[in-house]
Amino acid sequence: MILLIPLVPRADSGWIFAIPLLIIGSGIGLLVSQLNNYTLSPISEERISEAAGVNSAAGSFGLSFGLAFAGAIMLAALAFTFTYLTQASTVLAPDQQEQVAQHWKKMPRS
């Protein structure tokens, strides 16, 4: 993360993030397997398969929930930013601003 944060303001393209993201991904990949071993180490031999299943299900639920939550936050931020920038625009005429606002309200939500 220390390598990635200073690059964000200076980025001209996504390729500048390749090496820092590769380092971060490798570190997380190496850490996750050890966390699973540490989490399942106190479980007895006859219960290890059930514990691994619960651990995997909880991880999958957390990942799914986190992705859905992050997507919802991103969509809300984009919607509010788009609406604000449309209303604050000096290029669009007031009737065009209203047309954009009405079109946005009519869009289907999932």
PDB file of N, CA and C in Angstrom:
ATOM      1  N   MET A   1       0.824  -1.195   0.000  1.00  0.00           N
ATOM      2  CA  MET A   1       0.000   0.000   0.000  1.00  0.00           C
ATOM      3  C   MET A   1       0.868   1.259   0.000  1.00  0.00           C
ATOM      4  N   ILE A   2       2.008   1.178   0.644  1.00  0.00           N
ATOM      5  CA  ILE A   2       2.903   2.337   0.682  1.00  0.00           C
ATOM      6  C   ILE A   2       3.385   2.690  -0.722  1.00  0.00           C
ATOM      7  N   LEU A   3       3.581   1.678  -1.564  1.00  0.00           N
ATOM      8  CA  LEU A   3       3.978   1.933  -2.948  1.00  0.00           C
ATOM      9  C   LEU A   3       2.831   2.453  -3.803  1.00  0.00           C
ATOM     10  N   LEU A   4       1.610   2.066  -3.471  1.00  0.00           N
ATOM     11  CA  LEU A   4       0.458   2.383  -4.304  1.00  0.00           C
ATOM     12  C   LEU A   4      -0.076   3.800  -4.067  1.00  0.00           C
ATOM     13  N   ILE A   5      -0.152   4.222  -2.841  1.00  0.00           N
ATOM     14  CA  ILE A   5      -0.788   5.510  -2.508  1.00  0.00           C
ATOM     15  C   ILE A   5      -0.113   6.705  -3.188  1.00  0.00           C
ATOM     16  N   PRO A   6       1.214   6.822  -3.215  1.00  0.00           N
ATOM     17  CA  PRO A   6       1.808   7.989  -3.895  1.00  0.00           C
ATOM     18  C   PRO A   6       1.601   7.991  -5.414  1.00  0.00           C
ATOM     19  N   LEU A   7       1.301   6.834  -5.996  1.00  0.00           N
ATOM     20  CA  LEU A   7       1.129   6.764  -7.449  1.00  0.00           C
ATOM     21  C   LEU A   7      -0.237   7.257  -7.917  1.00  0.00           C
ATOM     22  N   VAL A   8      -1.227   7.240  -7.052  1.00  0.00           N
ATOM     23  CA  VAL A   8      -2.596   7.554  -7.460  1.00  0.00           C
ATOM     24  C   VAL A   8      -2.722   8.952  -8.071  1.00  0.00           C
ATOM     25  N   PRO A   9      -2.197  10.002  -7.450  1.00  0.00           N
ATOM     26  CA  PRO A   9      -2.365  11.329  -8.073  1.00  0.00           C
ATOM     27  C   PRO A   9      -1.603  11.504  -9.387  1.00  0.00           C
ATOM     28  N   ARG A  10      -0.544  10.719  -9.596  1.00  0.00           N
ATOM     29  CA  ARG A  10       0.297  10.894 -10.771  1.00  0.00           C
ATOM     30  C   ARG A  10      -0.024   9.924 -11.903  1.00  0.00           C
ATOM     31  N   ALA A  11      -1.000   9.079 -11.734  1.00  0.00           N
ATOM     32  CA  ALA A  11      -1.261   8.008 -12.706  1.00  0.00           C
ATOM     33  C   ALA A  11      -1.816   8.562 -14.013  1.00  0.00           C
ATOM     34  N   ASP A  12      -1.150   8.203 -15.108  1.00  0.00           N
ATOM     35  CA  ASP A  12      -1.644   8.541 -16.443  1.00  0.00           C
ATOM     36  C   ASP A  12      -2.438   7.386 -17.025  1.00  0.00           C
ATOM     37  N   SER A  13      -2.100   6.172 -16.592  1.00  0.00           N
ATOM     38  CA  SER A  13      -2.809   4.978 -17.052  1.00  0.00           C
ATOM     39  C   SER A  13      -2.798   3.954 -15.922  1.00  0.00           C
ATOM     40  N   GLY A  14      -3.502   2.853 -16.145  1.00  0.00           N
ATOM     41  CA  GLY A  14      -3.570   1.813 -15.134  1.00  0.00           C
ATOM     42  C   GLY A  14      -2.315   0.981 -15.027  1.00  0.00           C
ATOM     43  N   TRP A  15      -1.441   1.035 -16.037  1.00  0.00           N
ATOM     44  CA  TRP A  15      -0.227   0.222 -16.030  1.00  0.00           C
ATOM     45  C   TRP A  15       0.730   0.612 -14.909  1.00  0.00           C
ATOM     46  N   ILE A  16       0.651   1.825 -14.439  1.00  0.00           N
ATOM     47  CA  ILE A  16       1.542   2.264 -13.362  1.00  0.00           C
ATOM     48  C   ILE A  16       1.255   1.516 -12.053  1.00  0.00           C
ATOM     49  N   PHE A  17       0.036   0.957 -11.946  1.00  0.00           N
ATOM     50  CA  PHE A  17      -0.346   0.233 -10.740  1.00  0.00           C
ATOM     51  C   PHE A  17      -0.004  -1.254 -10.788  1.00  0.00           C
ATOM     52  N   ALA A  18       0.514  -1.740 -11.902  1.00  0.00           N
ATOM     53  CA  ALA A  18       0.717  -3.180 -12.086  1.00  0.00           C
ATOM     54  C   ALA A  18       1.654  -3.781 -11.033  1.00  0.00           C
ATOM     55  N   ILE A  19       2.824  -3.212 -10.829  1.00  0.00           N
ATOM     56  CA  ILE A  19       3.788  -3.798  -9.889  1.00  0.00           C
ATOM     57  C   ILE A  19       3.308  -3.679  -8.442  1.00  0.00           C
ATOM     58  N   PRO A  20       2.832  -2.503  -7.980  1.00  0.00           N
ATOM     59  CA  PRO A  20       2.329  -2.457  -6.601  1.00  0.00           C
ATOM     60  C   PRO A  20       1.151  -3.411  -6.357  1.00  0.00           C
ATOM     61  N   LEU A  21       0.241  -3.532  -7.330  1.00  0.00           N
ATOM     62  CA  LEU A  21      -0.885  -4.444  -7.151  1.00  0.00           C
ATOM     63  C   LEU A  21      -0.437  -5.900  -7.178  1.00  0.00           C
ATOM     64  N   LEU A  22       0.585  -6.212  -7.959  1.00  0.00           N
ATOM     65  CA  LEU A  22       1.149  -7.560  -7.972  1.00  0.00           C
ATOM     66  C   LEU A  22       1.758  -7.900  -6.616  1.00  0.00           C
ATOM     67  N   ILE A  23       2.450  -6.950  -6.019  1.00  0.00           N
ATOM     68  CA  ILE A  23       3.040  -7.167  -4.696  1.00  0.00           C
ATOM     69  C   ILE A  23       1.946  -7.344  -3.648  1.00  0.00           C
ATOM     70  N   ILE A  24       0.937  -6.493  -3.686  1.00  0.00           N
ATOM     71  CA  ILE A  24      -0.168  -6.582  -2.722  1.00  0.00           C
ATOM     72  C   ILE A  24      -0.917  -7.903  -2.882  1.00  0.00           C
ATOM     73  N   GLY A  25      -1.224  -8.287  -4.124  1.00  0.00           N
ATOM     74  CA  GLY A  25      -1.935  -9.537  -4.368  1.00  0.00           C
ATOM     75  C   GLY A  25      -1.142 -10.745  -3.919  1.00  0.00           C
ATOM     76  N   SER A  26       0.157 -10.732  -4.164  1.00  0.00           N
ATOM     77  CA  SER A  26       1.001 -11.847  -3.718  1.00  0.00           C
ATOM     78  C   SER A  26       1.021 -11.932  -2.199  1.00  0.00           C
ATOM     79  N   GLY A  27       1.139 -10.806  -1.552  1.00  0.00           N
ATOM     80  CA  GLY A  27       1.149 -10.794  -0.087  1.00  0.00           C
ATOM     81  C   GLY A  27      -0.154 -11.297   0.496  1.00  0.00           C
ATOM     82  N   ILE A  28      -1.256 -10.867  -0.051  1.00  0.00           N
ATOM     83  CA  ILE A  28      -2.555 -11.331   0.441  1.00  0.00           C
ATOM     84  C   ILE A  28      -2.734 -12.814   0.158  1.00  0.00           C
ATOM     85  N   GLY A  29      -2.309 -13.266  -1.013  1.00  0.00           N
ATOM     86  CA  GLY A  29      -2.417 -14.685  -1.346  1.00  0.00           C
ATOM     87  C   GLY A  29      -1.605 -15.564  -0.411  1.00  0.00           C
ATOM     88  N   LEU A  30      -0.404 -15.118  -0.069  1.00  0.00           N
ATOM     89  CA  LEU A  30       0.422 -15.877   0.865  1.00  0.00           C
ATOM     90  C   LEU A  30      -0.139 -15.827   2.288  1.00  0.00           C
ATOM     91  N   LEU A  31      -0.782 -14.744   2.646  1.00  0.00           N
ATOM     92  CA  LEU A  31      -1.323 -14.593   3.991  1.00  0.00           C
ATOM     93  C   LEU A  31      -2.587 -15.411   4.208  1.00  0.00           C
ATOM     94  N   VAL A  32      -3.462 -15.481   3.216  1.00  0.00           N
ATOM     95  CA  VAL A  32      -4.754 -16.145   3.384  1.00  0.00           C
ATOM     96  C   VAL A  32      -4.589 -17.621   3.701  1.00  0.00           C
ATOM     97  N   SER A  33      -3.680 -18.304   3.028  1.00  0.00           N
ATOM     98  CA  SER A  33      -3.496 -19.732   3.299  1.00  0.00           C
ATOM     99  C   SER A  33      -3.008 -19.954   4.726  1.00  0.00           C
ATOM    100  N   GLN A  34      -2.156 -19.083   5.206  1.00  0.00           N
ATOM    101  CA  GLN A  34      -1.666 -19.221   6.582  1.00  0.00           C
ATOM    102  C   GLN A  34      -2.756 -18.894   7.599  1.00  0.00           C
ATOM    103  N   LEU A  35      -3.623 -17.950   7.274  1.00  0.00           N
ATOM    104  CA  LEU A  35      -4.738 -17.641   8.175  1.00  0.00           C
ATOM    105  C   LEU A  35      -5.697 -18.816   8.286  1.00  0.00           C
ATOM    106  N   ASN A  36      -5.960 -19.501   7.176  1.00  0.00           N
ATOM    107  CA  ASN A  36      -6.815 -20.692   7.221  1.00  0.00           C
ATOM    108  C   ASN A  36      -6.179 -21.779   8.073  1.00  0.00           C
ATOM    109  N   ASN A  37      -4.880 -22.011   7.921  1.00  0.00           N
ATOM    110  CA  ASN A  37      -4.188 -23.000   8.748  1.00  0.00           C
ATOM    111  C   ASN A  37      -4.266 -22.630  10.223  1.00  0.00           C
ATOM    112  N   TYR A  38      -4.049 -21.369  10.531  1.00  0.00           N
ATOM    113  CA  TYR A  38      -4.093 -20.907  11.924  1.00  0.00           C
ATOM    114  C   TYR A  38      -5.497 -21.036  12.506  1.00  0.00           C
ATOM    115  N   THR A  39      -6.505 -20.692  11.710  1.00  0.00           N
ATOM    116  CA  THR A  39      -7.892 -20.762  12.176  1.00  0.00           C
ATOM    117  C   THR A  39      -8.318 -22.196  12.438  1.00  0.00           C
ATOM    118  N   LEU A  40      -7.913 -23.126  11.589  1.00  0.00           N
ATOM    119  CA  LEU A  40      -8.361 -24.520  11.699  1.00  0.00           C
ATOM    120  C   LEU A  40      -7.444 -25.383  12.558  1.00  0.00           C
ATOM    121  N   SER A  41      -6.314 -24.855  13.041  1.00  0.00           N
ATOM    122  CA  SER A  41      -5.362 -25.671  13.803  1.00  0.00           C
ATOM    123  C   SER A  41      -5.912 -26.223  15.126  1.00  0.00           C
ATOM    124  N   PRO A  42      -6.749 -25.511  15.884  1.00  0.00           N
ATOM    125  CA  PRO A  42      -7.224 -26.102  17.144  1.00  0.00           C
ATOM    126  C   PRO A  42      -8.349 -27.131  16.977  1.00  0.00           C
ATOM    127  N   ILE A  43      -8.845 -27.336  15.774  1.00  0.00           N
ATOM    128  CA  ILE A  43      -9.964 -28.250  15.538  1.00  0.00           C
ATOM    129  C   ILE A  43      -9.442 -29.690  15.503  1.00  0.00           C
ATOM    130  N   SER A  44     -10.199 -30.602  16.095  1.00  0.00           N
ATOM    131  CA  SER A  44      -9.800 -32.012  16.106  1.00  0.00           C
ATOM    132  C   SER A  44      -9.909 -32.623  14.712  1.00  0.00           C
ATOM    133  N   GLU A  45      -9.196 -33.754  14.502  1.00  0.00           N
ATOM    134  CA  GLU A  45      -9.147 -34.418  13.189  1.00  0.00           C
ATOM    135  C   GLU A  45     -10.526 -34.795  12.669  1.00  0.00           C
ATOM    136  N   GLU A  46     -11.392 -35.312  13.539  1.00  0.00           N
ATOM    137  CA  GLU A  46     -12.699 -35.776  13.072  1.00  0.00           C
ATOM    138  C   GLU A  46     -13.655 -34.636  12.737  1.00  0.00           C
ATOM    139  N   ARG A  47     -13.369 -33.423  13.166  1.00  0.00           N
ATOM    140  CA  ARG A  47     -14.238 -32.263  12.893  1.00  0.00           C
ATOM    141  C   ARG A  47     -13.642 -31.272  11.900  1.00  0.00           C
ATOM    142  N   ILE A  48     -12.481 -31.563  11.373  1.00  0.00           N
ATOM    143  CA  ILE A  48     -11.794 -30.588  10.526  1.00  0.00           C
ATOM    144  C   ILE A  48     -12.556 -30.313   9.228  1.00  0.00           C
ATOM    145  N   SER A  49     -13.219 -31.324   8.658  1.00  0.00           N
ATOM    146  CA  SER A  49     -13.935 -31.085   7.398  1.00  0.00           C
ATOM    147  C   SER A  49     -15.128 -30.160   7.605  1.00  0.00           C
ATOM    148  N   GLU A  50     -15.856 -30.344   8.726  1.00  0.00           N
ATOM    149  CA  GLU A  50     -16.983 -29.440   9.003  1.00  0.00           C
ATOM    150  C   GLU A  50     -16.499 -28.022   9.265  1.00  0.00           C
ATOM    151  N   ALA A  51     -15.410 -27.902  10.012  1.00  0.00           N
ATOM    152  CA  ALA A  51     -14.872 -26.576  10.319  1.00  0.00           C
ATOM    153  C   ALA A  51     -14.374 -25.880   9.044  1.00  0.00           C
ATOM    154  N   ALA A  52     -13.744 -26.649   8.158  1.00  0.00           N
ATOM    155  CA  ALA A  52     -13.285 -26.063   6.893  1.00  0.00           C
ATOM    156  C   ALA A  52     -14.468 -25.607   6.048  1.00  0.00           C
ATOM    157  N   GLY A  53     -15.565 -26.373   6.067  1.00  0.00           N
ATOM    158  CA  GLY A  53     -16.764 -25.979   5.334  1.00  0.00           C
ATOM    159  C   GLY A  53     -17.370 -24.701   5.880  1.00  0.00           C
ATOM    160  N   VAL A  54     -17.454 -24.602   7.209  1.00  0.00           N
ATOM    161  CA  VAL A  54     -17.984 -23.384   7.836  1.00  0.00           C
ATOM    162  C   VAL A  54     -17.076 -22.198   7.529  1.00  0.00           C
ATOM    163  N   ASN A  55     -15.780 -22.419   7.604  1.00  0.00           N
ATOM    164  CA  ASN A  55     -14.815 -21.355   7.310  1.00  0.00           C
ATOM    165  C   ASN A  55     -14.949 -20.887   5.865  1.00  0.00           C
ATOM    166  N   SER A  56     -15.079 -21.830   4.950  1.00  0.00           N
ATOM    167  CA  SER A  56     -15.227 -21.489   3.537  1.00  0.00           C
ATOM    168  C   SER A  56     -16.544 -20.763   3.266  1.00  0.00           C
ATOM    169  N   ALA A  57     -17.629 -21.236   3.886  1.00  0.00           N
ATOM    170  CA  ALA A  57     -18.934 -20.590   3.689  1.00  0.00           C
ATOM    171  C   ALA A  57     -18.934 -19.168   4.237  1.00  0.00           C
ATOM    172  N   ALA A  58     -18.333 -18.991   5.412  1.00  0.00           N
ATOM    173  CA  ALA A  58     -18.268 -17.644   5.993  1.00  0.00           C
ATOM    174  C   ALA A  58     -17.424 -16.720   5.122  1.00  0.00           C
ATOM    175  N   GLY A  59     -16.324 -17.240   4.580  1.00  0.00           N
ATOM    176  CA  GLY A  59     -15.492 -16.434   3.688  1.00  0.00           C
ATOM    177  C   GLY A  59     -16.226 -16.063   2.418  1.00  0.00           C
ATOM    178  N   SER A  60     -16.955 -17.010   1.852  1.00  0.00           N
ATOM    179  CA  SER A  60     -17.721 -16.730   0.631  1.00  0.00           C
ATOM    180  C   SER A  60     -18.825 -15.708   0.894  1.00  0.00           C
ATOM    181  N   PHE A  61     -19.502 -15.847   2.038  1.00  0.00           N
ATOM    182  CA  PHE A  61     -20.539 -14.879   2.382  1.00  0.00           C
ATOM    183  C   PHE A  61     -19.943 -13.486   2.562  1.00  0.00           C
ATOM    184  N   GLY A  62     -18.825 -13.408   3.269  1.00  0.00           N
ATOM    185  CA  GLY A  62     -18.178 -12.116   3.479  1.00  0.00           C
ATOM    186  C   GLY A  62     -17.745 -11.475   2.179  1.00  0.00           C
ATOM    187  N   LEU A  63     -17.195 -12.276   1.283  1.00  0.00           N
ATOM    188  CA  LEU A  63     -16.770 -11.757  -0.016  1.00  0.00           C
ATOM    189  C   LEU A  63     -17.966 -11.266  -0.829  1.00  0.00           C
ATOM    190  N   SER A  64     -19.030 -12.054  -0.875  1.00  0.00           N
ATOM    191  CA  SER A  64     -20.225 -11.658  -1.628  1.00  0.00           C
ATOM    192  C   SER A  64     -20.855 -10.399  -1.050  1.00  0.00           C
ATOM    193  N   PHE A  65     -20.989 -10.362   0.265  1.00  0.00           N
ATOM    194  CA  PHE A  65     -21.587  -9.194   0.915  1.00  0.00           C
ATOM    195  C   PHE A  65     -20.717  -7.960   0.709  1.00  0.00           C
ATOM    196  N   GLY A  66     -19.411  -8.127   0.855  1.00  0.00           N
ATOM    197  CA  GLY A  66     -18.504  -6.995   0.671  1.00  0.00           C
ATOM    198  C   GLY A  66     -18.547  -6.437  -0.738  1.00  0.00           C
ATOM    199  N   LEU A  67     -18.576  -7.329  -1.736  1.00  0.00           N
ATOM    200  CA  LEU A  67     -18.654  -6.868  -3.120  1.00  0.00           C
ATOM    201  C   LEU A  67     -19.973  -6.169  -3.410  1.00  0.00           C
ATOM    202  N   ALA A  68     -21.062  -6.721  -2.890  1.00  0.00           N
ATOM    203  CA  ALA A  68     -22.369  -6.086  -3.100  1.00  0.00           C
ATOM    204  C   ALA A  68     -22.428  -4.726  -2.411  1.00  0.00           C
ATOM    205  N   PHE A  69     -21.908  -4.651  -1.209  1.00  0.00           N
ATOM    206  CA  PHE A  69     -21.919  -3.392  -0.462  1.00  0.00           C
ATOM    207  C   PHE A  69     -21.038  -2.350  -1.146  1.00  0.00           C
ATOM    208  N   ALA A  70     -19.838  -2.755  -1.583  1.00  0.00           N
ATOM    209  CA  ALA A  70     -18.943  -1.825  -2.275  1.00  0.00           C
ATOM    210  C   ALA A  70     -19.568  -1.360  -3.587  1.00  0.00           C
ATOM    211  N   GLY A  71     -20.234  -2.273  -4.306  1.00  0.00           N
ATOM    212  CA  GLY A  71     -20.905  -1.892  -5.546  1.00  0.00           C
ATOM    213  C   GLY A  71     -22.031  -0.900  -5.308  1.00  0.00           C
ATOM    214  N   ALA A  72     -22.791  -1.124  -4.240  1.00  0.00           N
ATOM    215  CA  ALA A  72     -23.885  -0.204  -3.913  1.00  0.00           C
ATOM    216  C   ALA A  72     -23.353   1.176  -3.546  1.00  0.00           C
ATOM    217  N   ILE A  73     -22.278   1.217  -2.775  1.00  0.00           N
ATOM    218  CA  ILE A  73     -21.680   2.504  -2.400  1.00  0.00           C
ATOM    219  C   ILE A  73     -21.146   3.222  -3.640  1.00  0.00           C
ATOM    220  N   MET A  74     -20.485   2.471  -4.524  1.00  0.00           N
ATOM    221  CA  MET A  74     -19.943   3.076  -5.733  1.00  0.00           C
ATOM    222  C   MET A  74     -21.057   3.615  -6.629  1.00  0.00           C
ATOM    223  N   LEU A  75     -22.129   2.831  -6.801  1.00  0.00           N
ATOM    224  CA  LEU A  75     -23.239   3.283  -7.638  1.00  0.00           C
ATOM    225  C   LEU A  75     -23.913   4.514  -7.039  1.00  0.00           C
ATOM    226  N   ALA A  76     -24.095   4.531  -5.735  1.00  0.00           N
ATOM    227  CA  ALA A  76     -24.700   5.698  -5.084  1.00  0.00           C
ATOM    228  C   ALA A  76     -23.809   6.925  -5.241  1.00  0.00           C
ATOM    229  N   ALA A  77     -22.503   6.749  -5.066  1.00  0.00           N
ATOM    230  CA  ALA A  77     -21.583   7.884  -5.219  1.00  0.00           C
ATOM    231  C   ALA A  77     -21.603   8.411  -6.649  1.00  0.00           C
ATOM    232  N   LEU A  78     -21.626   7.501  -7.623  1.00  0.00           N
ATOM    233  CA  LEU A  78     -21.697   7.934  -9.018  1.00  0.00           C
ATOM    234  C   LEU A  78     -23.003   8.661  -9.320  1.00  0.00           C
ATOM    235  N   ALA A  79     -24.104   8.152  -8.791  1.00  0.00           N
ATOM    236  CA  ALA A  79     -25.404   8.775  -9.042  1.00  0.00           C
ATOM    237  C   ALA A  79     -25.463  10.177  -8.439  1.00  0.00           C
ATOM    238  N   PHE A  80     -25.024  10.309  -7.190  1.00  0.00           N
ATOM    239  CA  PHE A  80     -25.059  11.630  -6.551  1.00  0.00           C
ATOM    240  C   PHE A  80     -24.109  12.606  -7.236  1.00  0.00           C
ATOM    241  N   THR A  81     -22.927  12.129  -7.614  1.00  0.00           N
ATOM    242  CA  THR A  81     -21.964  12.993  -8.297  1.00  0.00           C
ATOM    243  C   THR A  81     -22.499  13.418  -9.661  1.00  0.00           C
ATOM    244  N   PHE A  82     -23.066  12.469 -10.401  1.00  0.00           N
ATOM    245  CA  PHE A  82     -23.620  12.785 -11.717  1.00  0.00           C
ATOM    246  C   PHE A  82     -24.743  13.812 -11.595  1.00  0.00           C
ATOM    247  N   THR A  83     -25.636  13.615 -10.639  1.00  0.00           N
ATOM    248  CA  THR A  83     -26.741  14.556 -10.442  1.00  0.00           C
ATOM    249  C   THR A  83     -26.236  15.930 -10.040  1.00  0.00           C
ATOM    250  N   TYR A  84     -25.277  15.972  -9.112  1.00  0.00           N
ATOM    251  CA  TYR A  84     -24.735  17.252  -8.661  1.00  0.00           C
ATOM    252  C   TYR A  84     -24.043  17.987  -9.808  1.00  0.00           C
ATOM    253  N   LEU A  85     -23.212  17.262 -10.561  1.00  0.00           N
ATOM    254  CA  LEU A  85     -22.498  17.905 -11.663  1.00  0.00           C
ATOM    255  C   LEU A  85     -23.443  18.358 -12.766  1.00  0.00           C
ATOM    256  N   THR A  86     -24.512  17.632 -12.983  1.00  0.00           N
ATOM    257  CA  THR A  86     -25.509  18.051 -13.978  1.00  0.00           C
ATOM    258  C   THR A  86     -26.188  19.334 -13.537  1.00  0.00           C
ATOM    259  N   GLN A  87     -26.578  19.396 -12.268  1.00  0.00           N
ATOM    260  CA  GLN A  87     -27.267  20.588 -11.763  1.00  0.00           C
ATOM    261  C   GLN A  87     -26.334  21.792 -11.679  1.00  0.00           C
ATOM    262  N   ALA A  88     -25.043  21.551 -11.464  1.00  0.00           N
ATOM    263  CA  ALA A  88     -24.084  22.651 -11.354  1.00  0.00           C
ATOM    264  C   ALA A  88     -23.470  23.038 -12.696  1.00  0.00           C
ATOM    265  N   SER A  89     -23.864  22.364 -13.752  1.00  0.00           N
ATOM    266  CA  SER A  89     -23.258  22.589 -15.063  1.00  0.00           C
ATOM    267  C   SER A  89     -23.591  23.979 -15.596  1.00  0.00           C
ATOM    268  N   THR A  90     -22.587  24.615 -16.172  1.00  0.00           N
ATOM    269  CA  THR A  90     -22.810  25.897 -16.849  1.00  0.00           C
ATOM    270  C   THR A  90     -22.968  25.685 -18.352  1.00  0.00           C
ATOM    271  N   VAL A  91     -22.756  24.453 -18.813  1.00  0.00           N
ATOM    272  CA  VAL A  91     -22.873  24.137 -20.228  1.00  0.00           C
ATOM    273  C   VAL A  91     -24.304  23.758 -20.584  1.00  0.00           C
ATOM    274  N   LEU A  92     -24.972  23.007 -19.706  1.00  0.00           N
ATOM    275  CA  LEU A  92     -26.346  22.571 -19.958  1.00  0.00           C
ATOM    276  C   LEU A  92     -27.327  23.683 -19.613  1.00  0.00           C
ATOM    277  N   ALA A  93     -28.312  23.835 -20.447  1.00  0.00           N
ATOM    278  CA  ALA A  93     -29.386  24.791 -20.171  1.00  0.00           C
ATOM    279  C   ALA A  93     -30.273  24.230 -19.060  1.00  0.00           C
ATOM    280  N   PRO A  94     -31.009  25.088 -18.353  1.00  0.00           N
ATOM    281  CA  PRO A  94     -31.860  24.590 -17.261  1.00  0.00           C
ATOM    282  C   PRO A  94     -32.859  23.517 -17.690  1.00  0.00           C
ATOM    283  N   ASP A  95     -33.435  23.652 -18.905  1.00  0.00           N
ATOM    284  CA  ASP A  95     -34.376  22.619 -19.342  1.00  0.00           C
ATOM    285  C   ASP A  95     -33.653  21.298 -19.623  1.00  0.00           C
ATOM    286  N   GLN A  96     -32.407  21.356 -20.078  1.00  0.00           N
ATOM    287  CA  GLN A  96     -31.629  20.134 -20.284  1.00  0.00           C
ATOM    288  C   GLN A  96     -31.261  19.489 -18.939  1.00  0.00           C
ATOM    289  N   GLN A  97     -30.950  20.325 -17.956  1.00  0.00           N
ATOM    290  CA  GLN A  97     -30.659  19.808 -16.630  1.00  0.00           C
ATOM    291  C   GLN A  97     -31.870  19.070 -16.062  1.00  0.00           C
ATOM    292  N   GLU A  98     -33.036  19.649 -16.260  1.00  0.00           N
ATOM    293  CA  GLU A  98     -34.271  19.016 -15.788  1.00  0.00           C
ATOM    294  C   GLU A  98     -34.532  17.719 -16.547  1.00  0.00           C
ATOM    295  N   GLN A  99     -34.259  17.719 -17.842  1.00  0.00           N
ATOM    296  CA  GLN A  99     -34.452  16.512 -18.646  1.00  0.00           C
ATOM    297  C   GLN A  99     -33.539  15.386 -18.161  1.00  0.00           C
ATOM    298  N   VAL A 100     -32.295  15.716 -17.850  1.00  0.00           N
ATOM    299  CA  VAL A 100     -31.364  14.704 -17.325  1.00  0.00           C
ATOM    300  C   VAL A 100     -31.855  14.188 -15.980  1.00  0.00           C
ATOM    301  N   ALA A 101     -32.313  15.089 -15.116  1.00  0.00           N
ATOM    302  CA  ALA A 101     -32.811  14.682 -13.796  1.00  0.00           C
ATOM    303  C   ALA A 101     -34.031  13.776 -13.930  1.00  0.00           C
ATOM    304  N   GLN A 102     -34.951  14.110 -14.839  1.00  0.00           N
ATOM    305  CA  GLN A 102     -36.139  13.276 -15.030  1.00  0.00           C
ATOM    306  C   GLN A 102     -35.769  11.920 -15.616  1.00  0.00           C
ATOM    307  N   HIS A 103     -34.835  11.904 -16.554  1.00  0.00           N
ATOM    308  CA  HIS A 103     -34.398  10.633 -17.149  1.00  0.00           C
ATOM    309  C   HIS A 103     -33.760   9.750 -16.081  1.00  0.00           C
ATOM    310  N   TRP A 104     -32.979  10.349 -15.202  1.00  0.00           N
ATOM    311  CA  TRP A 104     -32.317   9.586 -14.144  1.00  0.00           C
ATOM    312  C   TRP A 104     -33.340   8.970 -13.188  1.00  0.00           C
ATOM    313  N   LYS A 105     -34.410   9.708 -12.886  1.00  0.00           N
ATOM    314  CA  LYS A 105     -35.443   9.201 -11.981  1.00  0.00           C
ATOM    315  C   LYS A 105     -36.220   8.040 -12.607  1.00  0.00           C
ATOM    316  N   LYS A 106     -36.328   8.012 -13.950  1.00  0.00           N
ATOM    317  CA  LYS A 106     -37.086   6.969 -14.628  1.00  0.00           C
ATOM    318  C   LYS A 106     -36.280   5.700 -14.871  1.00  0.00           C
ATOM    319  N   MET A 107     -34.971   5.740 -14.644  1.00  0.00           N
ATOM    320  CA  MET A 107     -34.129   4.567 -14.928  1.00  0.00           C
ATOM    321  C   MET A 107     -34.509   3.426 -13.983  1.00  0.00           C
ATOM    322  N   PRO A 108     -34.522   2.186 -14.508  1.00  0.00           N
ATOM    323  CA  PRO A 108     -34.869   1.034 -13.664  1.00  0.00           C
ATOM    324  C   PRO A 108     -33.788   0.774 -12.631  1.00  0.00           C
ATOM    325  N   ARG A 109     -34.203   0.422 -11.454  1.00  0.00           N
ATOM    326  CA  ARG A 109     -33.277   0.074 -10.367  1.00  0.00           C
ATOM    327  C   ARG A 109     -33.350  -1.421 -10.134  1.00  0.00           C
ATOM    328  N   SER A 110     -32.219  -2.022  -9.840  1.00  0.00           N
ATOM    329  CA  SER A 110     -32.235  -3.456  -9.580  1.00  0.00           C
ATOM    330  C   SER A 110     -32.111  -3.764  -8.108  1.00  0.00           C
TER     331      SER A 110
END
